[in-house]
Amino acid sequence: MTRRPPVALRPLLPADVPVCAQIFRDAVETLTGDDYDPAQQEAWASSADDLDAFGARLTKALAIVATDEGEVVGFATLAGNETLDMLYVAPDMAGRGVATTLVDALEKLAGARGTKVLTVEASDTALPFFMDRGYAPQQRNTVHRAGQWLANTTMTKAIEPPAGGGGKPS
């Protein structure tokens, strides 16, 4: 069996916004059905319908994309160096390490920028992924989107400074 090369990471480019919006919509509609009903999924996915607003959310944060053979297959954002804001992977790439690669990179960047605790508002679908990575649940939340209530969980993880003490001094 030939092992696939790992995905590559790069910064988000303006041309990636429509692709990321489609990945967002596809991931929500395809991967979250065990945890959210169709009306909740549509309300959540509709956040990508306004490409300008979606693009603004991506570019307000540090956004990286994962590529496989040159095609964008996932993306993640770090907002304010302390919040993992978005993490979405194309459904056909789910379970192949794309999310892990993206989060590893953002955790390292956050640590290098002096972040001591990283926070994420994890969907019920993403909760096991983040728990496996050492994030601890802090509180349950409900978020109102397009007339629907969606549950998520605030989770935190202590971030280790990079080897060699490259983080900001306290």
Protein backbone atom coordinates (compact mmCIF):
# COMPACT_ATOMS: atom_id res chain seq x y z
CA MET A 1 0.00 0.00 0.00
CA THR A 2 1.37 3.42 -0.98
CA ARG A 3 1.27 5.92 1.83
CA ARG A 4 -0.20 9.30 0.90
CA PRO A 5 2.08 12.25 1.55
CA PRO A 6 0.89 14.51 4.35
CA VAL A 7 -1.10 17.58 3.45
CA ALA A 8 0.80 20.81 2.99
CA LEU A 9 -0.05 24.00 4.87
CA ARG A 10 0.05 27.57 3.65
CA PRO A 11 -1.53 30.93 4.47
CA LEU A 12 -5.03 31.64 3.21
CA LEU A 13 -5.11 33.50 -0.12
CA PRO A 14 -8.06 35.66 -1.24
CA ALA A 15 -8.84 33.14 -4.00
CA ASP A 16 -9.31 30.45 -1.31
CA VAL A 17 -12.37 32.09 0.25
CA PRO A 18 -14.99 30.51 -2.07
CA VAL A 19 -13.33 27.09 -1.73
CA CYS A 20 -13.24 27.41 2.07
CA ALA A 21 -16.90 28.48 2.10
CA GLN A 22 -17.79 25.33 0.14
CA ILE A 23 -15.69 23.13 2.46
CA PHE A 24 -17.43 24.77 5.44
CA ARG A 25 -20.90 24.10 3.99
CA ASP A 26 -20.04 20.54 2.88
CA ALA A 27 -18.48 19.67 6.25
CA VAL A 28 -21.46 20.97 8.22
CA GLU A 29 -24.01 19.28 5.95
CA THR A 30 -22.16 15.95 5.68
CA LEU A 31 -20.30 15.40 8.95
CA THR A 32 -22.57 16.78 11.68
CA GLY A 33 -25.81 14.82 11.10
CA ASP A 34 -25.37 12.64 14.18
CA ASP A 35 -25.32 15.72 16.43
CA TYR A 36 -27.50 18.36 14.74
CA ASP A 37 -30.83 18.11 12.92
CA PRO A 38 -31.23 19.26 9.27
CA ALA A 39 -32.63 22.68 10.25
CA GLN A 40 -29.69 23.28 12.60
CA GLN A 41 -27.23 22.13 9.93
CA GLU A 42 -28.74 24.50 7.36
CA ALA A 43 -28.71 27.42 9.80
CA TRP A 44 -25.05 26.73 10.60
CA ALA A 45 -24.03 26.17 6.96
CA SER A 46 -25.79 29.37 5.87
CA SER A 47 -23.00 31.34 7.59
CA ALA A 48 -21.00 30.76 4.40
CA ASP A 49 -23.69 32.13 2.06
CA ASP A 50 -22.42 35.73 2.29
CA LEU A 51 -18.93 35.28 0.81
CA ASP A 52 -17.83 38.80 1.76
CA ALA A 53 -18.74 38.30 5.42
CA PHE A 54 -17.27 34.78 5.43
CA GLY A 55 -14.05 36.06 3.86
CA ALA A 56 -13.88 38.89 6.39
CA ARG A 57 -14.14 36.38 9.24
CA LEU A 58 -11.29 34.36 7.75
CA THR A 59 -9.03 37.33 7.10
CA LYS A 60 -9.62 38.94 10.52
CA ALA A 61 -7.83 35.94 12.02
CA LEU A 62 -4.64 34.10 11.17
CA ALA A 63 -5.98 31.63 8.60
CA ILE A 64 -4.18 28.64 7.16
CA VAL A 65 -5.27 26.12 4.59
CA ALA A 66 -4.33 22.49 4.12
CA THR A 67 -3.71 21.35 0.56
CA ASP A 68 -3.54 17.89 -0.96
CA GLU A 69 -1.96 17.74 -4.41
CA GLY A 70 -2.45 21.51 -4.66
CA GLU A 71 -6.17 21.48 -3.80
CA VAL A 72 -7.49 23.11 -0.62
CA VAL A 73 -8.95 20.35 1.57
CA GLY A 74 -9.31 22.12 4.92
CA PHE A 75 -8.74 25.34 6.81
CA ALA A 76 -8.41 26.68 10.32
CA THR A 77 -8.18 30.09 11.95
CA LEU A 78 -6.53 31.47 15.07
CA ALA A 79 -8.26 34.58 16.37
CA GLY A 80 -6.41 36.91 18.72
CA ASN A 81 -3.67 34.28 19.26
CA GLU A 82 -5.89 32.66 21.91
CA THR A 83 -8.93 31.23 20.13
CA LEU A 84 -9.10 28.43 17.62
CA ASP A 85 -12.05 29.96 15.79
CA MET A 86 -12.68 27.75 12.75
CA LEU A 87 -11.59 24.23 11.80
CA TYR A 88 -13.21 22.57 8.79
CA VAL A 89 -12.13 19.70 6.55
CA ALA A 90 -13.59 18.51 3.25
CA PRO A 91 -15.74 15.47 4.04
CA ASP A 92 -13.79 13.18 1.69
CA MET A 93 -10.62 14.03 3.66
CA ALA A 94 -12.14 13.52 7.13
CA GLY A 95 -10.22 11.04 9.24
CA ARG A 96 -7.00 11.45 7.25
CA GLY A 97 -5.12 13.72 9.67
CA VAL A 98 -5.98 17.04 8.03
CA ALA A 99 -7.60 18.53 11.15
CA THR A 100 -4.73 17.24 13.29
CA THR A 101 -2.16 18.86 10.99
CA LEU A 102 -4.04 22.17 11.02
CA VAL A 103 -4.49 22.24 14.81
CA ASP A 104 -0.88 21.17 15.45
CA ALA A 105 0.27 24.15 13.39
CA LEU A 106 -2.03 26.65 15.10
CA GLU A 107 -1.10 25.37 18.57
CA LYS A 108 2.60 25.86 17.72
CA LEU A 109 1.95 29.35 16.34
CA ALA A 110 -0.09 30.29 19.42
CA GLY A 111 2.69 29.02 21.71
CA ALA A 112 5.32 30.94 19.76
CA ARG A 113 3.23 34.08 20.19
CA GLY A 114 3.13 33.63 23.94
CA THR A 115 -0.33 32.13 24.33
CA LYS A 116 -0.62 30.15 27.54
CA VAL A 117 -4.18 28.83 27.08
CA LEU A 118 -5.95 28.15 23.80
CA THR A 119 -9.77 28.20 23.70
CA VAL A 120 -12.16 26.60 21.24
CA GLU A 121 -15.95 26.56 21.00
CA ALA A 122 -16.23 22.92 19.89
CA SER A 123 -19.31 21.63 18.14
CA ASP A 124 -20.74 18.40 19.51
CA THR A 125 -19.26 16.70 16.43
CA ALA A 126 -15.74 18.05 17.12
CA LEU A 127 -15.86 17.47 20.89
CA PRO A 128 -14.18 14.01 20.83
CA PHE A 129 -11.41 15.31 18.53
CA PHE A 130 -10.54 18.12 20.92
CA MET A 131 -10.83 15.92 24.02
CA ASP A 132 -8.35 13.49 22.42
CA ARG A 133 -5.98 16.45 21.95
CA GLY A 134 -6.07 17.37 25.64
CA TYR A 135 -8.66 20.14 25.57
CA ALA A 136 -10.80 20.25 28.71
CA PRO A 137 -14.52 21.13 28.63
CA GLN A 138 -15.30 24.31 30.57
CA GLN A 139 -18.96 25.04 29.83
CA ARG A 140 -21.86 24.17 27.54
CA ASN A 141 -23.25 26.90 25.32
CA THR A 142 -26.13 27.52 22.97
CA VAL A 143 -25.60 29.72 19.94
CA HIS A 144 -28.42 31.26 17.91
CA ARG A 145 -27.91 31.00 14.13
CA ALA A 146 -30.53 31.81 11.49
CA GLY A 147 -33.45 31.00 13.78
CA GLN A 148 -31.96 27.83 15.26
CA TRP A 149 -30.21 27.06 18.54
CA LEU A 150 -26.99 25.04 18.29
CA ALA A 151 -25.09 23.57 21.21
CA ASN A 152 -21.33 23.69 21.59
CA THR A 153 -18.77 23.41 24.38
CA THR A 154 -16.12 25.90 25.42
CA MET A 155 -12.86 23.97 25.81
CA THR A 156 -9.37 25.05 26.82
CA LYS A 157 -5.87 23.64 26.58
CA ALA A 158 -2.65 24.84 28.19
CA ILE A 159 -0.13 25.59 25.46
CA GLU A 160 3.53 24.83 26.04
CA PRO A 161 5.99 27.52 24.97
CA PRO A 162 8.26 26.42 22.14
CA ALA A 163 11.51 24.68 23.00
CA GLY A 164 14.19 27.28 23.59
CA GLY A 165 11.80 29.73 25.29
CA GLY A 166 10.71 31.53 22.11
CA GLY A 167 7.46 32.78 23.65
CA LYS A 168 6.86 36.33 24.83
CA PRO A 169 8.15 37.15 28.30
CA SER A 170 5.48 37.37 30.98
